[in-house]
């Protein structure tokens, strides 16, 4: 079984920090650090004080476009070669 959290109004899947981190192949601590620094998509809701939620599609889009993303076919680095 793989339970998911779905927004009743929009039908969109919502992810916890651990789900976001798993998708991005980073630790949950790294995800939380990025979020604290304002480097992740905005939280869309929460389940109580200690469980923020993110829109899964926004996280997927953010991950595909973030600098240094390990996503296949990501645009090449902006570093100049010598």
C-alpha atoms as a PDB file:
ATOM      1  CA  UNK A   1       0.000   0.000   0.000  1.00  0.00           C
ATOM      2  CA  UNK A   2       1.199   3.526  -0.820  1.00  0.00           C
ATOM      3  CA  UNK A   3      -1.080   6.106   0.835  1.00  0.00           C
ATOM      4  CA  UNK A   4      -0.988   9.638  -0.593  1.00  0.00           C
ATOM      5  CA  UNK A   5      -2.212  13.037   0.574  1.00  0.00           C
ATOM      6  CA  UNK A   6      -4.563  14.692  -1.900  1.00  0.00           C
ATOM      7  CA  UNK A   7      -6.005  18.218  -1.725  1.00  0.00           C
ATOM      8  CA  UNK A   8      -9.794  17.799  -1.632  1.00  0.00           C
ATOM      9  CA  UNK A   9     -10.363  21.115  -3.460  1.00  0.00           C
ATOM     10  CA  UNK A  10      -7.897  20.721  -6.325  1.00  0.00           C
ATOM     11  CA  UNK A  11      -7.244  16.976  -6.473  1.00  0.00           C
ATOM     12  CA  UNK A  12      -3.512  17.669  -6.484  1.00  0.00           C
ATOM     13  CA  UNK A  13      -1.092  15.358  -4.714  1.00  0.00           C
ATOM     14  CA  UNK A  14       0.690  16.912  -1.735  1.00  0.00           C
ATOM     15  CA  UNK A  15       4.085  15.801  -0.436  1.00  0.00           C
ATOM     16  CA  UNK A  16       5.658  15.871   3.007  1.00  0.00           C
ATOM     17  CA  UNK A  17       9.297  16.959   3.384  1.00  0.00           C
ATOM     18  CA  UNK A  18      10.439  13.328   3.248  1.00  0.00           C
ATOM     19  CA  UNK A  19       8.568  12.806  -0.049  1.00  0.00           C
ATOM     20  CA  UNK A  20      10.135  15.937  -1.560  1.00  0.00           C
ATOM     21  CA  UNK A  21      13.592  14.876  -0.405  1.00  0.00           C
ATOM     22  CA  UNK A  22      13.170  11.354  -1.768  1.00  0.00           C
ATOM     23  CA  UNK A  23      12.105  12.696  -5.166  1.00  0.00           C
ATOM     24  CA  UNK A  24      15.154  14.986  -5.271  1.00  0.00           C
ATOM     25  CA  UNK A  25      17.535  12.256  -4.032  1.00  0.00           C
ATOM     26  CA  UNK A  26      18.634  14.378  -1.082  1.00  0.00           C
ATOM     27  CA  UNK A  27      18.293  13.947   2.666  1.00  0.00           C
ATOM     28  CA  UNK A  28      15.259  15.275   4.490  1.00  0.00           C
ATOM     29  CA  UNK A  29      17.639  17.544   6.416  1.00  0.00           C
ATOM     30  CA  UNK A  30      18.901  19.042   3.152  1.00  0.00           C
ATOM     31  CA  UNK A  31      15.326  19.637   1.977  1.00  0.00           C
ATOM     32  CA  UNK A  32      14.503  21.385   5.254  1.00  0.00           C
ATOM     33  CA  UNK A  33      17.661  23.515   4.975  1.00  0.00           C
ATOM     34  CA  UNK A  34      16.786  24.531   1.402  1.00  0.00           C
ATOM     35  CA  UNK A  35      13.253  25.347   2.536  1.00  0.00           C
ATOM     36  CA  UNK A  36      14.459  27.453   5.488  1.00  0.00           C
ATOM     37  CA  UNK A  37      16.650  29.409   3.068  1.00  0.00           C
ATOM     38  CA  UNK A  38      13.708  30.009   0.697  1.00  0.00           C
ATOM     39  CA  UNK A  39      15.182  27.809  -2.039  1.00  0.00           C
ATOM     40  CA  UNK A  40      12.225  25.423  -2.484  1.00  0.00           C
ATOM     41  CA  UNK A  41       8.712  25.950  -3.790  1.00  0.00           C
ATOM     42  CA  UNK A  42       6.391  27.535  -1.241  1.00  0.00           C
ATOM     43  CA  UNK A  43       4.507  25.267   1.117  1.00  0.00           C
ATOM     44  CA  UNK A  44       0.849  24.993   0.122  1.00  0.00           C
ATOM     45  CA  UNK A  45      -0.595  23.655   3.370  1.00  0.00           C
ATOM     46  CA  UNK A  46       0.225  21.692   6.488  1.00  0.00           C
ATOM     47  CA  UNK A  47      -1.072  18.910   8.689  1.00  0.00           C
ATOM     48  CA  UNK A  48      -0.550  20.508  12.061  1.00  0.00           C
ATOM     49  CA  UNK A  49       2.410  22.514  13.272  1.00  0.00           C
ATOM     50  CA  UNK A  50       5.096  20.014  12.311  1.00  0.00           C
ATOM     51  CA  UNK A  51       4.079  18.673   8.897  1.00  0.00           C
ATOM     52  CA  UNK A  52       4.290  21.200   6.042  1.00  0.00           C
ATOM     53  CA  UNK A  53       3.048  20.068   2.634  1.00  0.00           C
ATOM     54  CA  UNK A  54       4.164  20.940  -0.897  1.00  0.00           C
ATOM     55  CA  UNK A  55       2.426  20.529  -4.246  1.00  0.00           C
ATOM     56  CA  UNK A  56       4.064  17.474  -5.832  1.00  0.00           C
ATOM     57  CA  UNK A  57       3.993  18.939  -9.362  1.00  0.00           C
ATOM     58  CA  UNK A  58       5.640  22.170  -8.192  1.00  0.00           C
ATOM     59  CA  UNK A  59       8.406  20.154  -6.522  1.00  0.00           C
ATOM     60  CA  UNK A  60       8.930  18.066  -9.672  1.00  0.00           C
ATOM     61  CA  UNK A  61       9.195  21.207 -11.811  1.00  0.00           C
ATOM     62  CA  UNK A  62      11.529  22.890  -9.320  1.00  0.00           C
ATOM     63  CA  UNK A  63      13.774  19.834  -9.169  1.00  0.00           C
ATOM     64  CA  UNK A  64      13.974  19.511 -12.964  1.00  0.00           C
ATOM     65  CA  UNK A  65      15.083  23.140 -13.270  1.00  0.00           C
ATOM     66  CA  UNK A  66      17.264  23.693 -10.220  1.00  0.00           C
ATOM     67  CA  UNK A  67      20.978  24.356 -10.702  1.00  0.00           C
ATOM     68  CA  UNK A  68      23.019  21.224 -10.166  1.00  0.00           C
ATOM     69  CA  UNK A  69      19.987  18.987 -10.527  1.00  0.00           C
ATOM     70  CA  UNK A  70      20.938  15.406 -11.360  1.00  0.00           C
ATOM     71  CA  UNK A  71      17.992  15.166 -13.747  1.00  0.00           C
ATOM     72  CA  UNK A  72      18.886  13.637 -17.118  1.00  0.00           C
ATOM     73  CA  UNK A  73      19.002  16.105 -20.021  1.00  0.00           C
ATOM     74  CA  UNK A  74      19.249  19.071 -17.642  1.00  0.00           C
ATOM     75  CA  UNK A  75      20.812  22.093 -19.414  1.00  0.00           C
ATOM     76  CA  UNK A  76      24.575  22.138 -19.093  1.00  0.00           C
ATOM     77  CA  UNK A  77      26.355  24.052 -16.388  1.00  0.00           C
ATOM     78  CA  UNK A  78      27.046  27.751 -16.874  1.00  0.00           C
ATOM     79  CA  UNK A  79      30.672  27.252 -15.802  1.00  0.00           C
ATOM     80  CA  UNK A  80      33.162  28.171 -18.491  1.00  0.00           C
ATOM     81  CA  UNK A  81      35.576  25.527 -19.670  1.00  0.00           C
ATOM     82  CA  UNK A  82      39.239  26.338 -20.113  1.00  0.00           C
END
